[in-house]
């Protein structure tokens, strides 16, 4: 799995000869700090929980969006319930 993250333009993921383009969950960003770490944590946690690759990438994107929209770095990273609430209340990712 190779993921090219493009900030506000989303991400392109390459895996097994497949290319997956995903958008972002737009938020009012306070700072960029922690976005990459939060993305990777969300991706790994989602894959470990059995989510399909595209869903895991979108969940990772949501984690990054949550993190940049809150003050701080580590304290801004979402837990499971925070991620689920964000996904339930957010209109969805942009189209890449």
PDB file of N, CA and C in Angstrom:
ATOM      1  N   UNK A   1       0.855  -1.176   0.000  1.00  0.00           N
ATOM      2  CA  UNK A   1       0.000   0.000   0.000  1.00  0.00           C
ATOM      3  C   UNK A   1       0.897   1.233   0.000  1.00  0.00           C
ATOM      4  N   UNK A   2       0.661   2.105  -0.977  1.00  0.00           N
ATOM      5  CA  UNK A   2       1.359   3.389  -1.046  1.00  0.00           C
ATOM      6  C   UNK A   2       0.287   4.469  -1.081  1.00  0.00           C
ATOM      7  N   UNK A   3       0.408   5.450  -0.199  1.00  0.00           N
ATOM      8  CA  UNK A   3      -0.570   6.538  -0.151  1.00  0.00           C
ATOM      9  C   UNK A   3       0.152   7.856  -0.366  1.00  0.00           C
ATOM     10  N   UNK A   4      -0.298   8.586  -1.380  1.00  0.00           N
ATOM     11  CA  UNK A   4       0.213   9.923  -1.653  1.00  0.00           C
ATOM     12  C   UNK A   4      -0.831  10.902  -1.151  1.00  0.00           C
ATOM     13  N   UNK A   5      -0.528  11.552  -0.020  1.00  0.00           N
ATOM     14  CA  UNK A   5      -1.464  12.508   0.568  1.00  0.00           C
ATOM     15  C   UNK A   5      -1.202  13.875  -0.043  1.00  0.00           C
ATOM     16  N   UNK A   6      -2.283  14.547  -0.463  1.00  0.00           N
ATOM     17  CA  UNK A   6      -2.156  15.820  -1.168  1.00  0.00           C
ATOM     18  C   UNK A   6      -2.853  16.963  -0.433  1.00  0.00           C
ATOM     19  N   UNK A   7      -2.902  16.885   0.883  1.00  0.00           N
ATOM     20  CA  UNK A   7      -3.523  17.948   1.667  1.00  0.00           C
ATOM     21  C   UNK A   7      -4.982  18.125   1.304  1.00  0.00           C
ATOM     22  N   UNK A   8      -5.357  19.348   0.968  1.00  0.00           N
ATOM     23  CA  UNK A   8      -6.739  19.667   0.637  1.00  0.00           C
ATOM     24  C   UNK A   8      -7.251  19.026  -0.634  1.00  0.00           C
ATOM     25  N   UNK A   9      -6.345  18.436  -1.410  1.00  0.00           N
ATOM     26  CA  UNK A   9      -6.755  17.763  -2.646  1.00  0.00           C
ATOM     27  C   UNK A   9      -7.022  16.275  -2.452  1.00  0.00           C
ATOM     28  N   UNK A  10      -6.943  15.791  -1.229  1.00  0.00           N
ATOM     29  CA  UNK A  10      -7.252  14.391  -0.954  1.00  0.00           C
ATOM     30  C   UNK A  10      -6.024  13.497  -0.996  1.00  0.00           C
ATOM     31  N   UNK A  11      -6.228  12.267  -1.431  1.00  0.00           N
ATOM     32  CA  UNK A  11      -5.143  11.288  -1.466  1.00  0.00           C
ATOM     33  C   UNK A  11      -5.340  10.332  -2.632  1.00  0.00           C
ATOM     34  N   UNK A  12      -4.221   9.785  -3.088  1.00  0.00           N
ATOM     35  CA  UNK A  12      -4.251   8.712  -4.078  1.00  0.00           C
ATOM     36  C   UNK A  12      -3.574   7.519  -3.424  1.00  0.00           C
ATOM     37  N   UNK A  13      -4.254   6.392  -3.412  1.00  0.00           N
ATOM     38  CA  UNK A  13      -3.720   5.175  -2.813  1.00  0.00           C
ATOM     39  C   UNK A  13      -3.491   4.149  -3.908  1.00  0.00           C
ATOM     40  N   UNK A  14      -2.332   3.508  -3.866  1.00  0.00           N
ATOM     41  CA  UNK A  14      -1.992   2.451  -4.810  1.00  0.00           C
ATOM     42  C   UNK A  14      -1.836   1.154  -4.022  1.00  0.00           C
ATOM     43  N   UNK A  15      -2.567   0.134  -4.445  1.00  0.00           N
ATOM     44  CA  UNK A  15      -2.496  -1.154  -3.762  1.00  0.00           C
ATOM     45  C   UNK A  15      -2.901  -2.262  -4.720  1.00  0.00           C
ATOM     46  N   UNK A  16      -2.030  -3.239  -4.898  1.00  0.00           N
ATOM     47  CA  UNK A  16      -2.353  -4.388  -5.735  1.00  0.00           C
ATOM     48  C   UNK A  16      -2.749  -4.019  -7.155  1.00  0.00           C
ATOM     49  N   UNK A  17      -2.103  -3.022  -7.728  1.00  0.00           N
ATOM     50  CA  UNK A  17      -2.420  -2.597  -9.082  1.00  0.00           C
ATOM     51  C   UNK A  17      -3.641  -1.698  -9.184  1.00  0.00           C
ATOM     52  N   UNK A  18      -4.268  -1.393  -8.058  1.00  0.00           N
ATOM     53  CA  UNK A  18      -5.463  -0.547  -8.040  1.00  0.00           C
ATOM     54  C   UNK A  18      -5.085   0.861  -7.587  1.00  0.00           C
ATOM     55  N   UNK A  19      -5.765   1.859  -8.153  1.00  0.00           N
ATOM     56  CA  UNK A  19      -5.588   3.256  -7.757  1.00  0.00           C
ATOM     57  C   UNK A  19      -6.901   3.747  -7.164  1.00  0.00           C
ATOM     58  N   UNK A  20      -6.843   4.229  -5.926  1.00  0.00           N
ATOM     59  CA  UNK A  20      -8.036   4.722  -5.238  1.00  0.00           C
ATOM     60  C   UNK A  20      -7.837   6.201  -4.944  1.00  0.00           C
ATOM     61  N   UNK A  21      -8.711   7.033  -5.486  1.00  0.00           N
ATOM     62  CA  UNK A  21      -8.658   8.481  -5.223  1.00  0.00           C
ATOM     63  C   UNK A  21      -9.746   8.827  -4.210  1.00  0.00           C
ATOM     64  N   UNK A  22      -9.349   9.552  -3.185  1.00  0.00           N
ATOM     65  CA  UNK A  22     -10.305   9.946  -2.152  1.00  0.00           C
ATOM     66  C   UNK A  22     -10.182  11.437  -1.871  1.00  0.00           C
ATOM     67  N   UNK A  23     -11.297  12.035  -1.470  1.00  0.00           N
ATOM     68  CA  UNK A  23     -11.322  13.448  -1.111  1.00  0.00           C
ATOM     69  C   UNK A  23     -11.030  13.643   0.361  1.00  0.00           C
ATOM     70  N   UNK A  24     -11.399  14.808   0.849  1.00  0.00           N
ATOM     71  CA  UNK A  24     -11.184  15.139   2.259  1.00  0.00           C
ATOM     72  C   UNK A  24     -12.514  15.507   2.905  1.00  0.00           C
ATOM     73  N   UNK A  25     -12.509  15.582   4.211  1.00  0.00           N
ATOM     74  CA  UNK A  25     -13.648  16.099   4.967  1.00  0.00           C
ATOM     75  C   UNK A  25     -13.312  17.551   5.301  1.00  0.00           C
ATOM     76  N   UNK A  26     -13.918  18.512   4.601  1.00  0.00           N
ATOM     77  CA  UNK A  26     -13.569  19.919   4.835  1.00  0.00           C
ATOM     78  C   UNK A  26     -13.934  20.374   6.252  1.00  0.00           C
ATOM     79  N   UNK A  27     -13.001  21.046   6.876  1.00  0.00           N
ATOM     80  CA  UNK A  27     -13.200  21.635   8.200  1.00  0.00           C
ATOM     81  C   UNK A  27     -12.458  22.968   8.227  1.00  0.00           C
ATOM     82  N   UNK A  28     -12.717  23.750   9.245  1.00  0.00           N
ATOM     83  CA  UNK A  28     -11.937  24.969   9.448  1.00  0.00           C
ATOM     84  C   UNK A  28     -10.677  24.575  10.213  1.00  0.00           C
ATOM     85  N   UNK A  29      -9.555  24.543   9.507  1.00  0.00           N
ATOM     86  CA  UNK A  29      -8.303  24.098  10.112  1.00  0.00           C
ATOM     87  C   UNK A  29      -7.695  25.193  10.972  1.00  0.00           C
ATOM     88  N   UNK A  30      -7.306  24.816  12.176  1.00  0.00           N
ATOM     89  CA  UNK A  30      -6.618  25.737  13.072  1.00  0.00           C
ATOM     90  C   UNK A  30      -5.115  25.681  12.858  1.00  0.00           C
ATOM     91  N   UNK A  31      -4.616  24.507  12.477  1.00  0.00           N
ATOM     92  CA  UNK A  31      -3.187  24.278  12.261  1.00  0.00           C
ATOM     93  C   UNK A  31      -3.020  22.931  11.568  1.00  0.00           C
ATOM     94  N   UNK A  32      -1.868  22.705  10.890  1.00  0.00           N
ATOM     95  CA  UNK A  32      -1.657  21.417  10.223  1.00  0.00           C
ATOM     96  C   UNK A  32      -1.046  20.351  11.130  1.00  0.00           C
ATOM     97  N   UNK A  33      -0.587  20.743  12.298  1.00  0.00           N
ATOM     98  CA  UNK A  33       0.135  19.841  13.192  1.00  0.00           C
ATOM     99  C   UNK A  33      -0.699  18.618  13.570  1.00  0.00           C
ATOM    100  N   UNK A  34      -0.097  17.439  13.376  1.00  0.00           N
ATOM    101  CA  UNK A  34      -0.743  16.200  13.780  1.00  0.00           C
ATOM    102  C   UNK A  34      -1.582  15.532  12.715  1.00  0.00           C
ATOM    103  N   UNK A  35      -1.784  16.189  11.577  1.00  0.00           N
ATOM    104  CA  UNK A  35      -2.648  15.617  10.540  1.00  0.00           C
ATOM    105  C   UNK A  35      -2.118  14.283  10.024  1.00  0.00           C
ATOM    106  N   UNK A  36      -0.828  14.224   9.721  1.00  0.00           N
ATOM    107  CA  UNK A  36      -0.245  12.993   9.189  1.00  0.00           C
ATOM    108  C   UNK A  36      -0.267  11.852  10.189  1.00  0.00           C
ATOM    109  N   UNK A  37       0.090  12.154  11.428  1.00  0.00           N
ATOM    110  CA  UNK A  37       0.074  11.121  12.470  1.00  0.00           C
ATOM    111  C   UNK A  37      -1.340  10.607  12.707  1.00  0.00           C
ATOM    112  N   UNK A  38      -2.290  11.530  12.733  1.00  0.00           N
ATOM    113  CA  UNK A  38      -3.682  11.143  12.953  1.00  0.00           C
ATOM    114  C   UNK A  38      -4.204  10.316  11.779  1.00  0.00           C
ATOM    115  N   UNK A  39      -3.827  10.703  10.551  1.00  0.00           N
ATOM    116  CA  UNK A  39      -4.225   9.946   9.363  1.00  0.00           C
ATOM    117  C   UNK A  39      -3.722   8.504   9.471  1.00  0.00           C
ATOM    118  N   UNK A  40      -2.437   8.344   9.781  1.00  0.00           N
ATOM    119  CA  UNK A  40      -1.869   6.991   9.855  1.00  0.00           C
ATOM    120  C   UNK A  40      -2.479   6.174  10.986  1.00  0.00           C
ATOM    121  N   UNK A  41      -2.718   6.798  12.122  1.00  0.00           N
ATOM    122  CA  UNK A  41      -3.352   6.088  13.235  1.00  0.00           C
ATOM    123  C   UNK A  41      -4.756   5.640  12.848  1.00  0.00           C
ATOM    124  N   UNK A  42      -5.505   6.526  12.197  1.00  0.00           N
ATOM    125  CA  UNK A  42      -6.852   6.173  11.746  1.00  0.00           C
ATOM    126  C   UNK A  42      -6.841   5.069  10.710  1.00  0.00           C
ATOM    127  N   UNK A  43      -5.873   5.131   9.794  1.00  0.00           N
ATOM    128  CA  UNK A  43      -5.762   4.100   8.754  1.00  0.00           C
ATOM    129  C   UNK A  43      -5.453   2.738   9.370  1.00  0.00           C
ATOM    130  N   UNK A  44      -4.435   2.683  10.212  1.00  0.00           N
ATOM    131  CA  UNK A  44      -4.030   1.406  10.804  1.00  0.00           C
ATOM    132  C   UNK A  44      -5.122   0.823  11.695  1.00  0.00           C
ATOM    133  N   UNK A  45      -5.750   1.676  12.487  1.00  0.00           N
ATOM    134  CA  UNK A  45      -6.823   1.213  13.367  1.00  0.00           C
ATOM    135  C   UNK A  45      -8.000   0.686  12.555  1.00  0.00           C
ATOM    136  N   UNK A  46      -8.340   1.385  11.481  1.00  0.00           N
ATOM    137  CA  UNK A  46      -9.477   0.969  10.647  1.00  0.00           C
ATOM    138  C   UNK A  46      -9.183  -0.332   9.915  1.00  0.00           C
ATOM    139  N   UNK A  47      -7.966  -0.469   9.384  1.00  0.00           N
ATOM    140  CA  UNK A  47      -7.603  -1.725   8.714  1.00  0.00           C
ATOM    141  C   UNK A  47      -7.597  -2.880   9.715  1.00  0.00           C
ATOM    142  N   UNK A  48      -7.053  -2.641  10.905  1.00  0.00           N
ATOM    143  CA  UNK A  48      -7.017  -3.690  11.932  1.00  0.00           C
ATOM    144  C   UNK A  48      -8.421  -4.098  12.368  1.00  0.00           C
ATOM    145  N   UNK A  49      -9.364  -3.161  12.289  1.00  0.00           N
ATOM    146  CA  UNK A  49     -10.753  -3.454  12.669  1.00  0.00           C
ATOM    147  C   UNK A  49     -11.525  -4.137  11.540  1.00  0.00           C
ATOM    148  N   UNK A  50     -10.874  -4.327  10.384  1.00  0.00           N
ATOM    149  CA  UNK A  50     -11.507  -5.061   9.294  1.00  0.00           C
ATOM    150  C   UNK A  50     -12.188  -4.220   8.233  1.00  0.00           C
ATOM    151  N   UNK A  51     -12.009  -2.905   8.271  1.00  0.00           N
ATOM    152  CA  UNK A  51     -12.613  -2.049   7.245  1.00  0.00           C
ATOM    153  C   UNK A  51     -11.906  -2.263   5.906  1.00  0.00           C
ATOM    154  N   UNK A  52     -12.654  -2.161   4.827  1.00  0.00           N
ATOM    155  CA  UNK A  52     -12.078  -2.232   3.485  1.00  0.00           C
ATOM    156  C   UNK A  52     -11.115  -1.064   3.305  1.00  0.00           C
ATOM    157  N   UNK A  53     -10.159  -1.204   2.385  1.00  0.00           N
ATOM    158  CA  UNK A  53      -9.117  -0.203   2.213  1.00  0.00           C
ATOM    159  C   UNK A  53      -9.683   1.194   1.959  1.00  0.00           C
ATOM    160  N   UNK A  54     -10.616   1.343   1.025  1.00  0.00           N
ATOM    161  CA  UNK A  54     -11.145   2.680   0.727  1.00  0.00           C
ATOM    162  C   UNK A  54     -11.835   3.278   1.948  1.00  0.00           C
ATOM    163  N   UNK A  55     -12.607   2.491   2.658  1.00  0.00           N
ATOM    164  CA  UNK A  55     -13.274   2.980   3.865  1.00  0.00           C
ATOM    165  C   UNK A  55     -12.244   3.378   4.918  1.00  0.00           C
ATOM    166  N   UNK A  56     -11.184   2.585   5.048  1.00  0.00           N
ATOM    167  CA  UNK A  56     -10.133   2.897   6.020  1.00  0.00           C
ATOM    168  C   UNK A  56      -9.443   4.215   5.674  1.00  0.00           C
ATOM    169  N   UNK A  57      -9.231   4.466   4.385  1.00  0.00           N
ATOM    170  CA  UNK A  57      -8.609   5.719   3.956  1.00  0.00           C
ATOM    171  C   UNK A  57      -9.526   6.896   4.283  1.00  0.00           C
ATOM    172  N   UNK A  58     -10.808   6.741   4.030  1.00  0.00           N
ATOM    173  CA  UNK A  58     -11.755   7.816   4.336  1.00  0.00           C
ATOM    174  C   UNK A  58     -11.842   8.069   5.837  1.00  0.00           C
ATOM    175  N   UNK A  59     -11.809   7.013   6.623  1.00  0.00           N
ATOM    176  CA  UNK A  59     -11.818   7.171   8.075  1.00  0.00           C
ATOM    177  C   UNK A  59     -10.534   7.873   8.534  1.00  0.00           C
ATOM    178  N   UNK A  60      -9.414   7.539   7.902  1.00  0.00           N
ATOM    179  CA  UNK A  60      -8.145   8.193   8.213  1.00  0.00           C
ATOM    180  C   UNK A  60      -8.206   9.678   7.881  1.00  0.00           C
ATOM    181  N   UNK A  61      -8.803   9.997   6.742  1.00  0.00           N
ATOM    182  CA  UNK A  61      -8.973  11.396   6.348  1.00  0.00           C
ATOM    183  C   UNK A  61      -9.830  12.142   7.366  1.00  0.00           C
ATOM    184  N   UNK A  62     -10.869  11.498   7.845  1.00  0.00           N
ATOM    185  CA  UNK A  62     -11.720  12.114   8.867  1.00  0.00           C
ATOM    186  C   UNK A  62     -10.924  12.363  10.147  1.00  0.00           C
ATOM    187  N   UNK A  63     -10.082  11.419  10.524  1.00  0.00           N
ATOM    188  CA  UNK A  63      -9.246  11.609  11.719  1.00  0.00           C
ATOM    189  C   UNK A  63      -8.349  12.832  11.559  1.00  0.00           C
ATOM    190  N   UNK A  64      -7.735  12.970  10.388  1.00  0.00           N
ATOM    191  CA  UNK A  64      -6.867  14.125  10.140  1.00  0.00           C
ATOM    192  C   UNK A  64      -7.664  15.422  10.203  1.00  0.00           C
ATOM    193  N   UNK A  65      -8.859  15.415   9.633  1.00  0.00           N
ATOM    194  CA  UNK A  65      -9.696  16.619   9.652  1.00  0.00           C
ATOM    195  C   UNK A  65     -10.070  17.016  11.074  1.00  0.00           C
ATOM    196  N   UNK A  66     -10.417  16.033  11.876  1.00  0.00           N
ATOM    197  CA  UNK A  66     -10.750  16.316  13.276  1.00  0.00           C
ATOM    198  C   UNK A  66      -9.546  16.934  13.983  1.00  0.00           C
ATOM    199  N   UNK A  67      -8.375  16.347  13.776  1.00  0.00           N
ATOM    200  CA  UNK A  67      -7.168  16.796  14.463  1.00  0.00           C
ATOM    201  C   UNK A  67      -6.798  18.232  14.115  1.00  0.00           C
ATOM    202  N   UNK A  68      -6.873  18.594  12.835  1.00  0.00           N
ATOM    203  CA  UNK A  68      -6.476  19.960  12.453  1.00  0.00           C
ATOM    204  C   UNK A  68      -7.509  21.001  12.863  1.00  0.00           C
ATOM    205  N   UNK A  69      -8.710  20.551  13.192  1.00  0.00           N
ATOM    206  CA  UNK A  69      -9.765  21.500  13.563  1.00  0.00           C
ATOM    207  C   UNK A  69      -9.825  21.765  15.069  1.00  0.00           C
ATOM    208  N   UNK A  70      -8.915  21.136  15.813  1.00  0.00           N
ATOM    209  CA  UNK A  70      -8.911  21.292  17.266  1.00  0.00           C
ATOM    210  C   UNK A  70      -7.544  21.788  17.733  1.00  0.00           C
ATOM    211  N   UNK A  71      -7.494  22.506  18.853  1.00  0.00           N
ATOM    212  CA  UNK A  71      -6.198  22.979  19.344  1.00  0.00           C
ATOM    213  C   UNK A  71      -5.321  21.830  19.830  1.00  0.00           C
ATOM    214  N   UNK A  72      -4.024  22.042  19.765  1.00  0.00           N
ATOM    215  CA  UNK A  72      -3.075  21.049  20.235  1.00  0.00           C
ATOM    216  C   UNK A  72      -2.767  20.017  19.174  1.00  0.00           C
ATOM    217  N   UNK A  73      -1.987  19.023  19.568  1.00  0.00           N
ATOM    218  CA  UNK A  73      -1.619  17.957  18.633  1.00  0.00           C
ATOM    219  C   UNK A  73      -2.170  16.624  19.143  1.00  0.00           C
ATOM    220  N   UNK A  74      -1.465  15.974  20.046  1.00  0.00           N
ATOM    221  CA  UNK A  74      -1.942  14.686  20.556  1.00  0.00           C
ATOM    222  C   UNK A  74      -3.324  14.786  21.201  1.00  0.00           C
ATOM    223  N   UNK A  75      -3.602  15.818  21.997  1.00  0.00           N
ATOM    224  CA  UNK A  75      -4.944  15.905  22.588  1.00  0.00           C
ATOM    225  C   UNK A  75      -6.051  16.117  21.552  1.00  0.00           C
ATOM    226  N   UNK A  76      -5.683  16.588  20.363  1.00  0.00           N
ATOM    227  CA  UNK A  76      -6.681  16.844  19.316  1.00  0.00           C
ATOM    228  C   UNK A  76      -7.067  15.585  18.551  1.00  0.00           C
ATOM    229  N   UNK A  77      -6.271  14.522  18.696  1.00  0.00           N
ATOM    230  CA  UNK A  77      -6.537  13.301  17.937  1.00  0.00           C
ATOM    231  C   UNK A  77      -7.788  12.609  18.469  1.00  0.00           C
ATOM    232  N   UNK A  78      -8.652  12.159  17.552  1.00  0.00           N
ATOM    233  CA  UNK A  78      -9.933  11.598  17.982  1.00  0.00           C
ATOM    234  C   UNK A  78      -9.832  10.174  18.507  1.00  0.00           C
ATOM    235  N   UNK A  79     -10.725   9.845  19.421  1.00  0.00           N
ATOM    236  CA  UNK A  79     -10.905   8.454  19.825  1.00  0.00           C
ATOM    237  C   UNK A  79     -12.025   7.873  18.958  1.00  0.00           C
ATOM    238  N   UNK A  80     -12.330   6.614  19.153  1.00  0.00           N
ATOM    239  CA  UNK A  80     -13.352   5.946  18.343  1.00  0.00           C
ATOM    240  C   UNK A  80     -14.709   6.627  18.355  1.00  0.00           C
ATOM    241  N   UNK A  81     -15.267   6.920  19.527  1.00  0.00           N
ATOM    242  CA  UNK A  81     -16.576   7.577  19.551  1.00  0.00           C
ATOM    243  C   UNK A  81     -16.581   8.956  18.878  1.00  0.00           C
ATOM    244  N   UNK A  82     -15.486   9.701  19.025  1.00  0.00           N
ATOM    245  CA  UNK A  82     -15.396  11.015  18.380  1.00  0.00           C
ATOM    246  C   UNK A  82     -15.391  10.863  16.866  1.00  0.00           C
ATOM    247  N   UNK A  83     -14.642   9.886  16.362  1.00  0.00           N
ATOM    248  CA  UNK A  83     -14.606   9.627  14.920  1.00  0.00           C
ATOM    249  C   UNK A  83     -15.984   9.228  14.413  1.00  0.00           C
ATOM    250  N   UNK A  84     -16.648   8.323  15.106  1.00  0.00           N
ATOM    251  CA  UNK A  84     -17.973   7.865  14.668  1.00  0.00           C
ATOM    252  C   UNK A  84     -18.980   9.014  14.660  1.00  0.00           C
ATOM    253  N   UNK A  85     -18.921   9.882  15.672  1.00  0.00           N
ATOM    254  CA  UNK A  85     -19.832  11.033  15.723  1.00  0.00           C
ATOM    255  C   UNK A  85     -19.552  11.990  14.571  1.00  0.00           C
ATOM    256  N   UNK A  86     -18.284  12.221  14.273  1.00  0.00           N
ATOM    257  CA  UNK A  86     -17.908  13.095  13.158  1.00  0.00           C
ATOM    258  C   UNK A  86     -18.436  12.528  11.843  1.00  0.00           C
ATOM    259  N   UNK A  87     -18.226  11.242  11.620  1.00  0.00           N
ATOM    260  CA  UNK A  87     -18.688  10.611  10.374  1.00  0.00           C
ATOM    261  C   UNK A  87     -20.208  10.657  10.253  1.00  0.00           C
ATOM    262  N   UNK A  88     -20.904  10.518  11.368  1.00  0.00           N
ATOM    263  CA  UNK A  88     -22.371  10.541  11.345  1.00  0.00           C
ATOM    264  C   UNK A  88     -22.917  11.937  11.075  1.00  0.00           C
ATOM    265  N   UNK A  89     -22.201  12.963  11.529  1.00  0.00           N
ATOM    266  CA  UNK A  89     -22.688  14.338  11.420  1.00  0.00           C
ATOM    267  C   UNK A  89     -22.130  15.116  10.239  1.00  0.00           C
ATOM    268  N   UNK A  90     -21.088  14.604   9.602  1.00  0.00           N
ATOM    269  CA  UNK A  90     -20.429  15.342   8.526  1.00  0.00           C
ATOM    270  C   UNK A  90     -21.024  14.948   7.180  1.00  0.00           C
ATOM    271  N   UNK A  91     -21.146  15.909   6.271  1.00  0.00           N
ATOM    272  CA  UNK A  91     -21.767  15.605   4.975  1.00  0.00           C
ATOM    273  C   UNK A  91     -20.972  14.652   4.096  1.00  0.00           C
ATOM    274  N   UNK A  92     -19.736  14.388   4.417  1.00  0.00           N
ATOM    275  CA  UNK A  92     -18.962  13.443   3.624  1.00  0.00           C
ATOM    276  C   UNK A  92     -17.766  14.082   2.966  1.00  0.00           C
ATOM    277  N   UNK A  93     -16.921  13.251   2.376  1.00  0.00           N
ATOM    278  CA  UNK A  93     -15.700  13.774   1.770  1.00  0.00           C
ATOM    279  C   UNK A  93     -15.980  14.479   0.443  1.00  0.00           C
ATOM    280  N   UNK A  94     -15.037  15.340   0.077  1.00  0.00           N
ATOM    281  CA  UNK A  94     -15.108  15.988  -1.224  1.00  0.00           C
ATOM    282  C   UNK A  94     -14.847  14.954  -2.313  1.00  0.00           C
ATOM    283  N   UNK A  95     -15.199  15.284  -3.523  1.00  0.00           N
ATOM    284  CA  UNK A  95     -14.910  14.409  -4.660  1.00  0.00           C
ATOM    285  C   UNK A  95     -13.527  14.766  -5.182  1.00  0.00           C
ATOM    286  N   UNK A  96     -12.648  13.772  -5.289  1.00  0.00           N
ATOM    287  CA  UNK A  96     -11.280  14.077  -5.743  1.00  0.00           C
ATOM    288  C   UNK A  96     -11.244  14.483  -7.211  1.00  0.00           C
TER     289      UNK A  96
END
